[in-house]
Amino acid sequence: MSATPIVIFGLGALGVFVIVQIYRTIAMVRGSNSRKQRFDKVMQAEQARMEVLKRQADEAAQSVPTSILDDTLPELELDQKAAA
């Protein structure tokens, strides 16, 4: 048995190995792009949710009756003086 079939088999195996590695690298790059896109979508949704919560908090703060604020105002002034 000569060395030629062994060399051909080895080169074929090496070629298959290289092709598989290239495929895995391309799949990994595509996967990282889709992960980044999913992350960006989640961040946009989270930012929109925070804006809605902030708007709701502002609306709730505006709807507080002034009588409640007048009752707590002296306590707030005392707390500020004590903190100073």
N, C-alpha and C. Protein backbone atom coordinates (compact mmCIF):
# COMPACT_ATOMS: atom_id res chain seq x y z
N MET A 1 0.86 -1.18 0.00
CA MET A 1 0.00 0.00 0.00
C MET A 1 0.90 1.23 0.00
N SER A 2 0.65 2.09 -0.94
CA SER A 2 1.48 3.29 -1.02
C SER A 2 0.91 4.39 -0.13
N ALA A 3 1.66 5.43 0.00
CA ALA A 3 1.26 6.54 0.86
C ALA A 3 0.26 7.46 0.19
N THR A 4 0.05 7.33 -1.11
CA THR A 4 -0.83 8.25 -1.83
C THR A 4 -2.28 8.21 -1.32
N PRO A 5 -2.89 7.04 -1.13
CA PRO A 5 -4.27 7.04 -0.62
C PRO A 5 -4.38 7.65 0.79
N ILE A 6 -3.37 7.43 1.60
CA ILE A 6 -3.38 8.00 2.95
C ILE A 6 -3.29 9.52 2.89
N VAL A 7 -2.44 10.01 2.00
CA VAL A 7 -2.29 11.47 1.85
C VAL A 7 -3.58 12.07 1.32
N ILE A 8 -4.19 11.42 0.33
CA ILE A 8 -5.45 11.92 -0.23
C ILE A 8 -6.54 11.93 0.85
N PHE A 9 -6.63 10.84 1.62
CA PHE A 9 -7.61 10.78 2.70
C PHE A 9 -7.35 11.87 3.73
N GLY A 10 -6.10 12.08 4.10
CA GLY A 10 -5.75 13.12 5.08
C GLY A 10 -6.09 14.51 4.58
N LEU A 11 -5.79 14.78 3.31
CA LEU A 11 -6.13 16.09 2.74
C LEU A 11 -7.65 16.29 2.67
N GLY A 12 -8.37 15.23 2.35
CA GLY A 12 -9.83 15.32 2.33
C GLY A 12 -10.39 15.61 3.71
N ALA A 13 -9.86 14.90 4.72
CA ALA A 13 -10.31 15.14 6.09
C ALA A 13 -9.99 16.56 6.54
N LEU A 14 -8.81 17.03 6.16
CA LEU A 14 -8.42 18.39 6.50
C LEU A 14 -9.34 19.40 5.83
N GLY A 15 -9.71 19.15 4.58
CA GLY A 15 -10.63 20.03 3.86
C GLY A 15 -11.99 20.09 4.53
N VAL A 16 -12.50 18.91 4.92
CA VAL A 16 -13.79 18.87 5.63
C VAL A 16 -13.70 19.64 6.94
N PHE A 17 -12.61 19.45 7.66
CA PHE A 17 -12.43 20.16 8.93
C PHE A 17 -12.45 21.67 8.72
N VAL A 18 -11.73 22.15 7.70
CA VAL A 18 -11.67 23.59 7.42
C VAL A 18 -13.05 24.12 7.05
N ILE A 19 -13.78 23.38 6.22
CA ILE A 19 -15.13 23.82 5.81
C ILE A 19 -16.06 23.90 7.02
N VAL A 20 -15.98 22.91 7.91
CA VAL A 20 -16.82 22.92 9.12
C VAL A 20 -16.47 24.12 10.00
N GLN A 21 -15.19 24.42 10.14
CA GLN A 21 -14.78 25.55 10.98
C GLN A 21 -15.26 26.88 10.38
N ILE A 22 -15.19 27.01 9.06
CA ILE A 22 -15.69 28.22 8.41
C ILE A 22 -17.20 28.36 8.63
N TYR A 23 -17.93 27.25 8.49
CA TYR A 23 -19.37 27.27 8.71
C TYR A 23 -19.69 27.68 10.15
N ARG A 24 -18.97 27.12 11.12
CA ARG A 24 -19.21 27.46 12.53
C ARG A 24 -18.92 28.93 12.79
N THR A 25 -17.86 29.46 12.19
CA THR A 25 -17.52 30.87 12.37
C THR A 25 -18.60 31.77 11.81
N ILE A 26 -19.09 31.45 10.61
CA ILE A 26 -20.16 32.26 10.01
C ILE A 26 -21.42 32.18 10.85
N ALA A 27 -21.77 31.00 11.34
CA ALA A 27 -22.96 30.85 12.18
C ALA A 27 -22.81 31.65 13.47
N MET A 28 -21.62 31.66 14.05
CA MET A 28 -21.39 32.40 15.29
C MET A 28 -21.54 33.90 15.05
N VAL A 29 -21.02 34.40 13.93
CA VAL A 29 -21.13 35.83 13.62
C VAL A 29 -22.58 36.21 13.41
N ARG A 30 -23.31 35.39 12.68
CA ARG A 30 -24.74 35.68 12.47
C ARG A 30 -25.50 35.62 13.79
N GLY A 31 -25.16 34.68 14.63
CA GLY A 31 -25.82 34.56 15.93
C GLY A 31 -25.56 35.76 16.81
N SER A 32 -24.36 36.29 16.77
CA SER A 32 -24.06 37.45 17.61
C SER A 32 -24.82 38.67 17.12
N ASN A 33 -25.03 38.79 15.81
CA ASN A 33 -25.82 39.90 15.29
C ASN A 33 -27.26 39.80 15.75
N SER A 34 -27.83 38.59 15.71
CA SER A 34 -29.22 38.44 16.13
C SER A 34 -29.34 38.65 17.63
N ARG A 35 -28.32 38.23 18.40
CA ARG A 35 -28.36 38.50 19.84
C ARG A 35 -28.33 39.98 20.12
N LYS A 36 -27.51 40.71 19.37
CA LYS A 36 -27.43 42.16 19.54
C LYS A 36 -28.76 42.80 19.18
N GLN A 37 -29.39 42.33 18.11
CA GLN A 37 -30.69 42.88 17.72
C GLN A 37 -31.74 42.60 18.78
N ARG A 38 -31.73 41.39 19.35
CA ARG A 38 -32.69 41.08 20.41
C ARG A 38 -32.43 41.95 21.62
N PHE A 39 -31.16 42.16 21.96
CA PHE A 39 -30.82 43.01 23.10
C PHE A 39 -31.29 44.44 22.85
N ASP A 40 -31.08 44.94 21.63
CA ASP A 40 -31.53 46.30 21.30
C ASP A 40 -33.05 46.42 21.42
N LYS A 41 -33.77 45.40 20.96
CA LYS A 41 -35.23 45.43 21.06
C LYS A 41 -35.67 45.44 22.52
N VAL A 42 -35.02 44.62 23.34
CA VAL A 42 -35.36 44.58 24.77
C VAL A 42 -35.08 45.93 25.42
N MET A 43 -33.95 46.54 25.07
CA MET A 43 -33.61 47.84 25.64
C MET A 43 -34.60 48.91 25.21
N GLN A 44 -35.04 48.88 23.96
CA GLN A 44 -36.03 49.85 23.50
C GLN A 44 -37.35 49.67 24.24
N ALA A 45 -37.76 48.42 24.42
CA ALA A 45 -39.00 48.15 25.15
C ALA A 45 -38.87 48.61 26.60
N GLU A 46 -37.73 48.36 27.20
CA GLU A 46 -37.51 48.77 28.59
C GLU A 46 -37.51 50.29 28.72
N GLN A 47 -36.90 50.97 27.76
CA GLN A 47 -36.89 52.43 27.78
C GLN A 47 -38.30 52.98 27.62
N ALA A 48 -39.09 52.39 26.73
CA ALA A 48 -40.47 52.83 26.55
C ALA A 48 -41.28 52.59 27.82
N ARG A 49 -41.03 51.46 28.49
CA ARG A 49 -41.74 51.16 29.74
C ARG A 49 -41.38 52.17 30.82
N MET A 50 -40.10 52.55 30.88
CA MET A 50 -39.67 53.54 31.87
C MET A 50 -40.30 54.91 31.59
N GLU A 51 -40.42 55.27 30.32
CA GLU A 51 -41.06 56.54 29.98
C GLU A 51 -42.53 56.54 30.38
N VAL A 52 -43.21 55.42 30.17
CA VAL A 52 -44.62 55.31 30.57
C VAL A 52 -44.74 55.43 32.08
N LEU A 53 -43.88 54.74 32.81
CA LEU A 53 -43.92 54.82 34.27
C LEU A 53 -43.63 56.23 34.76
N LYS A 54 -42.69 56.91 34.12
CA LYS A 54 -42.36 58.28 34.50
C LYS A 54 -43.55 59.20 34.24
N ARG A 55 -44.21 59.01 33.10
CA ARG A 55 -45.38 59.82 32.77
C ARG A 55 -46.50 59.56 33.77
N GLN A 56 -46.72 58.29 34.14
CA GLN A 56 -47.75 57.97 35.12
C GLN A 56 -47.42 58.58 36.47
N ALA A 57 -46.15 58.57 36.85
CA ALA A 57 -45.76 59.17 38.12
C ALA A 57 -45.99 60.68 38.10
N ASP A 58 -45.69 61.32 36.98
CA ASP A 58 -45.94 62.77 36.87
C ASP A 58 -47.42 63.08 36.95
N GLU A 59 -48.24 62.27 36.28
CA GLU A 59 -49.68 62.47 36.33
C GLU A 59 -50.21 62.26 37.75
N ALA A 60 -49.69 61.24 38.42
CA ALA A 60 -50.14 60.97 39.79
C ALA A 60 -49.72 62.10 40.72
N ALA A 61 -48.53 62.66 40.50
CA ALA A 61 -48.07 63.76 41.35
C ALA A 61 -48.91 65.00 41.13
N GLN A 62 -49.39 65.22 39.93
CA GLN A 62 -50.21 66.39 39.66
C GLN A 62 -51.62 66.23 40.20
N SER A 63 -52.07 65.00 40.39
CA SER A 63 -53.43 64.78 40.85
C SER A 63 -53.54 64.71 42.37
N VAL A 64 -52.43 64.90 43.09
CA VAL A 64 -52.47 64.87 44.55
C VAL A 64 -53.15 66.15 45.03
N PRO A 65 -54.17 66.05 45.90
CA PRO A 65 -54.84 67.25 46.40
C PRO A 65 -53.87 68.14 47.19
N THR A 66 -54.05 69.43 47.05
CA THR A 66 -53.14 70.36 47.74
C THR A 66 -53.33 70.31 49.24
N SER A 67 -54.51 69.88 49.71
CA SER A 67 -54.72 69.80 51.16
C SER A 67 -53.76 68.79 51.79
N ILE A 68 -53.50 67.71 51.08
CA ILE A 68 -52.55 66.71 51.59
C ILE A 68 -51.15 67.32 51.65
N LEU A 69 -50.81 68.06 50.60
CA LEU A 69 -49.49 68.68 50.58
C LEU A 69 -49.36 69.73 51.68
N ASP A 70 -50.42 70.48 51.94
CA ASP A 70 -50.38 71.50 52.99
C ASP A 70 -50.20 70.85 54.36
N ASP A 71 -50.82 69.68 54.57
CA ASP A 71 -50.68 69.00 55.86
C ASP A 71 -49.27 68.48 56.08
N THR A 72 -48.62 68.03 55.03
CA THR A 72 -47.29 67.44 55.19
C THR A 72 -46.17 68.46 55.05
N LEU A 73 -46.49 69.66 54.60
CA LEU A 73 -45.45 70.66 54.38
C LEU A 73 -44.68 71.00 55.65
N PRO A 74 -45.35 71.22 56.80
CA PRO A 74 -44.57 71.50 58.02
C PRO A 74 -43.63 70.35 58.41
N GLU A 75 -44.08 69.12 58.19
CA GLU A 75 -43.22 67.97 58.51
C GLU A 75 -41.99 67.96 57.61
N LEU A 76 -42.18 68.28 56.35
CA LEU A 76 -41.06 68.31 55.42
C LEU A 76 -40.07 69.40 55.81
N GLU A 77 -40.59 70.55 56.23
CA GLU A 77 -39.70 71.64 56.64
C GLU A 77 -38.90 71.24 57.88
N LEU A 78 -39.56 70.54 58.83
CA LEU A 78 -38.85 70.09 60.03
C LEU A 78 -37.79 69.06 59.67
N ASP A 79 -38.12 68.15 58.74
CA ASP A 79 -37.14 67.15 58.31
C ASP A 79 -35.94 67.80 57.65
N GLN A 80 -36.18 68.82 56.84
CA GLN A 80 -35.08 69.51 56.18
C GLN A 80 -34.21 70.25 57.18
N LYS A 81 -34.84 70.86 58.20
CA LYS A 81 -34.06 71.57 59.22
C LYS A 81 -33.24 70.58 60.05
N ALA A 82 -33.82 69.43 60.35
CA ALA A 82 -33.11 68.43 61.14
C ALA A 82 -31.93 67.86 60.35
N ALA A 83 -32.09 67.73 59.04
CA ALA A 83 -31.03 67.18 58.21
C ALA A 83 -29.88 68.18 58.05
N ALA A 84 -30.18 69.46 58.16
CA ALA A 84 -29.13 70.48 57.97
C ALA A 84 -28.25 70.65 59.16
